[in-house]
PDB file of all heavy atoms in Angstrom:
ATOM      1  N   SER A   1       9.553  40.425 -39.596  1.00  0.00           N
ATOM      2  CA  SER A   1      10.630  39.986 -38.717  1.00  0.00           C
ATOM      3  C   SER A   1      10.017  39.365 -37.473  1.00  0.00           C
ATOM      4  O   SER A   1       8.805  39.463 -37.249  1.00  0.00           O
ATOM      5  CB  SER A   1      11.540  41.154 -38.347  1.00  0.00           C
ATOM      6  OG  SER A   1      10.805  42.150 -37.650  1.00  0.00           O
ATOM      7  N   GLY A   2      10.866  38.721 -36.681  1.00  0.00           N
ATOM      8  CA  GLY A   2      10.414  38.184 -35.403  1.00  0.00           C
ATOM      9  C   GLY A   2      10.208  36.683 -35.368  1.00  0.00           C
ATOM     10  O   GLY A   2       9.895  36.131 -34.315  1.00  0.00           O
ATOM     11  N   GLY A   3      10.379  36.035 -36.499  1.00  0.00           N
ATOM     12  CA  GLY A   3      10.233  34.593 -36.508  1.00  0.00           C
ATOM     13  C   GLY A   3      11.382  33.913 -35.789  1.00  0.00           C
ATOM     14  O   GLY A   3      12.352  34.545 -35.385  1.00  0.00           O
ATOM     15  N   GLY A   4      11.251  32.601 -35.639  1.00  0.00           N
ATOM     16  CA  GLY A   4      12.306  31.850 -34.982  1.00  0.00           C
ATOM     17  C   GLY A   4      11.840  30.464 -34.607  1.00  0.00           C
ATOM     18  O   GLY A   4      10.780  30.001 -35.036  1.00  0.00           O
ATOM     19  N   LEU A   5      12.656  29.817 -33.789  1.00  0.00           N
ATOM     20  CA  LEU A   5      12.366  28.469 -33.304  1.00  0.00           C
ATOM     21  C   LEU A   5      11.871  28.567 -31.864  1.00  0.00           C
ATOM     22  O   LEU A   5      12.513  29.207 -31.022  1.00  0.00           O
ATOM     23  CB  LEU A   5      13.628  27.609 -33.376  1.00  0.00           C
ATOM     24  CG  LEU A   5      13.550  26.214 -32.770  1.00  0.00           C
ATOM     25  CD1 LEU A   5      12.532  25.360 -33.498  1.00  0.00           C
ATOM     26  CD2 LEU A   5      14.922  25.560 -32.779  1.00  0.00           C
ATOM     27  N   VAL A   6      10.753  27.939 -31.594  1.00  0.00           N
ATOM     28  CA  VAL A   6      10.170  27.988 -30.259  1.00  0.00           C
ATOM     29  C   VAL A   6       9.553  26.642 -29.936  1.00  0.00           C
ATOM     30  O   VAL A   6       9.127  25.910 -30.848  1.00  0.00           O
ATOM     31  CB  VAL A   6       9.117  29.119 -30.176  1.00  0.00           C
ATOM     32  CG1 VAL A   6       7.941  28.841 -31.108  1.00  0.00           C
ATOM     33  CG2 VAL A   6       8.644  29.356 -28.755  1.00  0.00           C
ATOM     34  N   GLN A   7       9.532  26.307 -28.666  1.00  0.00           N
ATOM     35  CA  GLN A   7       8.900  25.058 -28.254  1.00  0.00           C
ATOM     36  C   GLN A   7       7.383  25.209 -28.210  1.00  0.00           C
ATOM     37  O   GLN A   7       6.859  26.314 -28.034  1.00  0.00           O
ATOM     38  CB  GLN A   7       9.409  24.639 -26.883  1.00  0.00           C
ATOM     39  CG  GLN A   7      10.845  24.153 -26.881  1.00  0.00           C
ATOM     40  CD  GLN A   7      11.254  23.576 -25.530  1.00  0.00           C
ATOM     41  OE1 GLN A   7      10.714  23.955 -24.500  1.00  0.00           O
ATOM     42  NE2 GLN A   7      12.205  22.647 -25.551  1.00  0.00           N
ATOM     43  N   ALA A   8       6.712  24.104 -28.348  1.00  0.00           N
ATOM     44  CA  ALA A   8       5.255  24.116 -28.251  1.00  0.00           C
ATOM     45  C   ALA A   8       4.836  24.744 -26.921  1.00  0.00           C
ATOM     46  O   ALA A   8       5.441  24.485 -25.880  1.00  0.00           O
ATOM     47  CB  ALA A   8       4.709  22.706 -28.364  1.00  0.00           C
ATOM     48  N   GLY A   9       3.821  25.582 -26.990  1.00  0.00           N
ATOM     49  CA  GLY A   9       3.372  26.321 -25.822  1.00  0.00           C
ATOM     50  C   GLY A   9       4.008  27.681 -25.667  1.00  0.00           C
ATOM     51  O   GLY A   9       3.578  28.487 -24.835  1.00  0.00           O
ATOM     52  N   GLY A  10       5.032  27.940 -26.462  1.00  0.00           N
ATOM     53  CA  GLY A  10       5.733  29.211 -26.368  1.00  0.00           C
ATOM     54  C   GLY A  10       5.056  30.328 -27.148  1.00  0.00           C
ATOM     55  O   GLY A  10       3.967  30.149 -27.712  1.00  0.00           O
ATOM     56  N   SER A  11       5.719  31.476 -27.163  1.00  0.00           N
ATOM     57  CA  SER A  11       5.168  32.670 -27.795  1.00  0.00           C
ATOM     58  C   SER A  11       6.198  33.332 -28.697  1.00  0.00           C
ATOM     59  O   SER A  11       7.405  33.204 -28.482  1.00  0.00           O
ATOM     60  CB  SER A  11       4.727  33.677 -26.726  1.00  0.00           C
ATOM     61  OG  SER A  11       3.732  33.131 -25.891  1.00  0.00           O
ATOM     62  N   LEU A  12       5.691  34.025 -29.687  1.00  0.00           N
ATOM     63  CA  LEU A  12       6.504  34.872 -30.556  1.00  0.00           C
ATOM     64  C   LEU A  12       5.669  36.073 -30.949  1.00  0.00           C
ATOM     65  O   LEU A  12       4.435  35.980 -31.025  1.00  0.00           O
ATOM     66  CB  LEU A  12       6.932  34.129 -31.827  1.00  0.00           C
ATOM     67  CG  LEU A  12       8.067  33.114 -31.749  1.00  0.00           C
ATOM     68  CD1 LEU A  12       8.202  32.396 -33.088  1.00  0.00           C
ATOM     69  CD2 LEU A  12       9.376  33.772 -31.368  1.00  0.00           C
ATOM     70  N   ARG A  13       6.353  37.172 -31.245  1.00  0.00           N
ATOM     71  CA  ARG A  13       5.669  38.333 -31.799  1.00  0.00           C
ATOM     72  C   ARG A  13       6.313  38.678 -33.130  1.00  0.00           C
ATOM     73  O   ARG A  13       7.509  38.986 -33.184  1.00  0.00           O
ATOM     74  CB  ARG A  13       5.719  39.539 -30.868  1.00  0.00           C
ATOM     75  CG  ARG A  13       4.825  40.670 -31.388  1.00  0.00           C
ATOM     76  CD  ARG A  13       4.752  41.852 -30.453  1.00  0.00           C
ATOM     77  NE  ARG A  13       5.843  42.790 -30.667  1.00  0.00           N
ATOM     78  CZ  ARG A  13       5.753  44.093 -30.456  1.00  0.00           C
ATOM     79  NH1 ARG A  13       4.610  44.622 -30.053  1.00  0.00           N
ATOM     80  NH2 ARG A  13       6.803  44.877 -30.625  1.00  0.00           N
ATOM     81  N   LEU A  14       5.521  38.621 -34.163  1.00  0.00           N
ATOM     82  CA  LEU A  14       5.986  38.997 -35.492  1.00  0.00           C
ATOM     83  C   LEU A  14       5.719  40.475 -35.737  1.00  0.00           C
ATOM     84  O   LEU A  14       4.710  41.013 -35.279  1.00  0.00           O
ATOM     85  CB  LEU A  14       5.283  38.165 -36.560  1.00  0.00           C
ATOM     86  CG  LEU A  14       5.367  36.654 -36.409  1.00  0.00           C
ATOM     87  CD1 LEU A  14       4.683  35.977 -37.606  1.00  0.00           C
ATOM     88  CD2 LEU A  14       6.790  36.186 -36.265  1.00  0.00           C
ATOM     89  N   SER A  15       6.617  41.088 -36.480  1.00  0.00           N
ATOM     90  CA  SER A  15       6.462  42.490 -36.833  1.00  0.00           C
ATOM     91  C   SER A  15       6.416  42.630 -38.347  1.00  0.00           C
ATOM     92  O   SER A  15       7.048  41.865 -39.077  1.00  0.00           O
ATOM     93  CB  SER A  15       7.622  43.315 -36.291  1.00  0.00           C
ATOM     94  OG  SER A  15       7.650  43.283 -34.879  1.00  0.00           O
ATOM     95  N   CYS A  16       5.687  43.632 -38.782  1.00  0.00           N
ATOM     96  CA  CYS A  16       5.567  43.946 -40.205  1.00  0.00           C
ATOM     97  C   CYS A  16       5.856  45.433 -40.367  1.00  0.00           C
ATOM     98  O   CYS A  16       5.087  46.267 -39.874  1.00  0.00           O
ATOM     99  CB  CYS A  16       4.162  43.619 -40.682  1.00  0.00           C
ATOM    100  SG  CYS A  16       3.756  44.186 -42.352  1.00  0.00           S
ATOM    101  N   ALA A  17       6.948  45.750 -41.025  1.00  0.00           N
ATOM    102  CA  ALA A  17       7.338  47.143 -41.239  1.00  0.00           C
ATOM    103  C   ALA A  17       6.994  47.544 -42.664  1.00  0.00           C
ATOM    104  O   ALA A  17       7.428  46.879 -43.616  1.00  0.00           O
ATOM    105  CB  ALA A  17       8.821  47.316 -40.980  1.00  0.00           C
ATOM    106  N   ALA A  18       6.236  48.600 -42.798  1.00  0.00           N
ATOM    107  CA  ALA A  18       5.869  49.107 -44.118  1.00  0.00           C
ATOM    108  C   ALA A  18       6.595  50.415 -44.380  1.00  0.00           C
ATOM    109  O   ALA A  18       6.741  51.243 -43.477  1.00  0.00           O
ATOM    110  CB  ALA A  18       4.362  49.316 -44.204  1.00  0.00           C
ATOM    111  N   SER A  19       7.042  50.597 -45.597  1.00  0.00           N
ATOM    112  CA  SER A  19       7.698  51.851 -45.973  1.00  0.00           C
ATOM    113  C   SER A  19       7.275  52.227 -47.379  1.00  0.00           C
ATOM    114  O   SER A  19       6.884  51.376 -48.176  1.00  0.00           O
ATOM    115  CB  SER A  19       9.213  51.716 -45.888  1.00  0.00           C
ATOM    116  OG  SER A  19       9.672  50.709 -46.762  1.00  0.00           O
ATOM    117  N   GLY A  20       7.348  53.507 -47.674  1.00  0.00           N
ATOM    118  CA  GLY A  20       6.988  53.996 -48.992  1.00  0.00           C
ATOM    119  C   GLY A  20       5.596  54.585 -49.068  1.00  0.00           C
ATOM    120  O   GLY A  20       5.338  55.435 -49.904  1.00  0.00           O
ATOM    121  N   ARG A  21       4.676  54.102 -48.264  1.00  0.00           N
ATOM    122  CA  ARG A  21       3.327  54.646 -48.174  1.00  0.00           C
ATOM    123  C   ARG A  21       2.874  54.528 -46.725  1.00  0.00           C
ATOM    124  O   ARG A  21       3.387  53.727 -45.951  1.00  0.00           O
ATOM    125  CB  ARG A  21       2.355  53.858 -49.073  1.00  0.00           C
ATOM    126  CG  ARG A  21       2.634  53.958 -50.563  1.00  0.00           C
ATOM    127  CD  ARG A  21       2.291  55.330 -51.130  1.00  0.00           C
ATOM    128  NE  ARG A  21       0.911  55.708 -50.952  1.00  0.00           N
ATOM    129  CZ  ARG A  21      -0.057  55.355 -51.788  1.00  0.00           C
ATOM    130  NH1 ARG A  21       0.189  54.596 -52.839  1.00  0.00           N
ATOM    131  NH2 ARG A  21      -1.308  55.750 -51.565  1.00  0.00           N
ATOM    132  N   SER A  22       1.888  55.320 -46.383  1.00  0.00           N
ATOM    133  CA  SER A  22       1.360  55.264 -45.030  1.00  0.00           C
ATOM    134  C   SER A  22       0.510  54.015 -44.832  1.00  0.00           C
ATOM    135  O   SER A  22      -0.395  53.740 -45.621  1.00  0.00           O
ATOM    136  CB  SER A  22       0.506  56.503 -44.747  1.00  0.00           C
ATOM    137  OG  SER A  22      -0.139  56.375 -43.491  1.00  0.00           O
ATOM    138  N   LEU A  23       0.799  53.288 -43.781  1.00  0.00           N
ATOM    139  CA  LEU A  23       0.047  52.078 -43.464  1.00  0.00           C
ATOM    140  C   LEU A  23      -1.422  52.393 -43.202  1.00  0.00           C
ATOM    141  O   LEU A  23      -2.283  51.525 -43.377  1.00  0.00           O
ATOM    142  CB  LEU A  23       0.671  51.400 -42.251  1.00  0.00           C
ATOM    143  CG  LEU A  23       0.061  50.086 -41.789  1.00  0.00           C
ATOM    144  CD1 LEU A  23       0.156  49.033 -42.888  1.00  0.00           C
ATOM    145  CD2 LEU A  23       0.742  49.598 -40.523  1.00  0.00           C
ATOM    146  N   SER A  24      -1.724  53.624 -42.808  1.00  0.00           N
ATOM    147  CA  SER A  24      -3.087  53.987 -42.439  1.00  0.00           C
ATOM    148  C   SER A  24      -4.076  53.848 -43.602  1.00  0.00           C
ATOM    149  O   SER A  24      -5.288  53.812 -43.374  1.00  0.00           O
ATOM    150  CB  SER A  24      -3.135  55.414 -41.905  1.00  0.00           C
ATOM    151  OG  SER A  24      -2.747  56.325 -42.911  1.00  0.00           O
ATOM    152  N   PHE A  25      -3.578  53.772 -44.821  1.00  0.00           N
ATOM    153  CA  PHE A  25      -4.449  53.646 -45.982  1.00  0.00           C
ATOM    154  C   PHE A  25      -4.894  52.207 -46.252  1.00  0.00           C
ATOM    155  O   PHE A  25      -5.727  51.976 -47.126  1.00  0.00           O
ATOM    156  CB  PHE A  25      -3.755  54.176 -47.241  1.00  0.00           C
ATOM    157  CG  PHE A  25      -3.544  55.664 -47.231  1.00  0.00           C
ATOM    158  CD1 PHE A  25      -2.270  56.207 -47.286  1.00  0.00           C
ATOM    159  CD2 PHE A  25      -4.615  56.538 -47.166  1.00  0.00           C
ATOM    160  CE1 PHE A  25      -2.063  57.574 -47.276  1.00  0.00           C
ATOM    161  CE2 PHE A  25      -4.432  57.908 -47.161  1.00  0.00           C
ATOM    162  CZ  PHE A  25      -3.146  58.426 -47.210  1.00  0.00           C
ATOM    163  N   SER A  26      -4.345  51.259 -45.517  1.00  0.00           N
ATOM    164  CA  SER A  26      -4.601  49.869 -45.877  1.00  0.00           C
ATOM    165  C   SER A  26      -4.986  49.028 -44.674  1.00  0.00           C
ATOM    166  O   SER A  26      -4.479  49.228 -43.571  1.00  0.00           O
ATOM    167  CB  SER A  26      -3.357  49.260 -46.519  1.00  0.00           C
ATOM    168  OG  SER A  26      -3.581  47.906 -46.871  1.00  0.00           O
ATOM    169  N   ALA A  27      -5.846  48.039 -44.932  1.00  0.00           N
ATOM    170  CA  ALA A  27      -5.963  46.952 -43.986  1.00  0.00           C
ATOM    171  C   ALA A  27      -4.640  46.194 -43.969  1.00  0.00           C
ATOM    172  O   ALA A  27      -3.773  46.404 -44.834  1.00  0.00           O
ATOM    173  CB  ALA A  27      -7.104  46.019 -44.395  1.00  0.00           C
ATOM    174  N   LEU A  28      -4.497  45.323 -43.012  1.00  0.00           N
ATOM    175  CA  LEU A  28      -3.265  44.541 -42.894  1.00  0.00           C
ATOM    176  C   LEU A  28      -3.651  43.113 -42.584  1.00  0.00           C
ATOM    177  O   LEU A  28      -4.542  42.854 -41.767  1.00  0.00           O
ATOM    178  CB  LEU A  28      -2.395  45.113 -41.773  1.00  0.00           C
ATOM    179  CG  LEU A  28      -0.998  44.529 -41.556  1.00  0.00           C
ATOM    180  CD1 LEU A  28      -0.099  45.587 -40.933  1.00  0.00           C
ATOM    181  CD2 LEU A  28      -1.019  43.292 -40.693  1.00  0.00           C
ATOM    182  N   ALA A  29      -3.007  42.186 -43.252  1.00  0.00           N
ATOM    183  CA  ALA A  29      -3.321  40.773 -43.039  1.00  0.00           C
ATOM    184  C   ALA A  29      -2.037  39.977 -42.871  1.00  0.00           C
ATOM    185  O   ALA A  29      -0.990  40.333 -43.412  1.00  0.00           O
ATOM    186  CB  ALA A  29      -4.118  40.216 -44.209  1.00  0.00           C
ATOM    187  N   TRP A  30      -2.154  38.915 -42.117  1.00  0.00           N
ATOM    188  CA  TRP A  30      -1.086  37.930 -42.004  1.00  0.00           C
ATOM    189  C   TRP A  30      -1.555  36.643 -42.665  1.00  0.00           C
ATOM    190  O   TRP A  30      -2.690  36.192 -42.445  1.00  0.00           O
ATOM    191  CB  TRP A  30      -0.726  37.669 -40.552  1.00  0.00           C
ATOM    192  CG  TRP A  30       0.022  38.780 -39.901  1.00  0.00           C
ATOM    193  CD1 TRP A  30      -0.490  39.815 -39.172  1.00  0.00           C
ATOM    194  CD2 TRP A  30       1.442  38.979 -39.910  1.00  0.00           C
ATOM    195  NE1 TRP A  30       0.510  40.641 -38.738  1.00  0.00           N
ATOM    196  CE2 TRP A  30       1.712  40.145 -39.174  1.00  0.00           C
ATOM    197  CE3 TRP A  30       2.517  38.273 -40.467  1.00  0.00           C
ATOM    198  CZ2 TRP A  30       3.012  40.634 -38.977  1.00  0.00           C
ATOM    199  CZ3 TRP A  30       3.797  38.758 -40.279  1.00  0.00           C
ATOM    200  CH2 TRP A  30       4.035  39.924 -39.543  1.00  0.00           C
TER     201      TRP A  30
END
């Protein structure tokens, strides 16, 4: 989540929610 439309030079923060297993067991990549 967290995507959207932004002007050049702007900022966004994307989020990644994991469920079903603990995130601590895995690396994470975008």
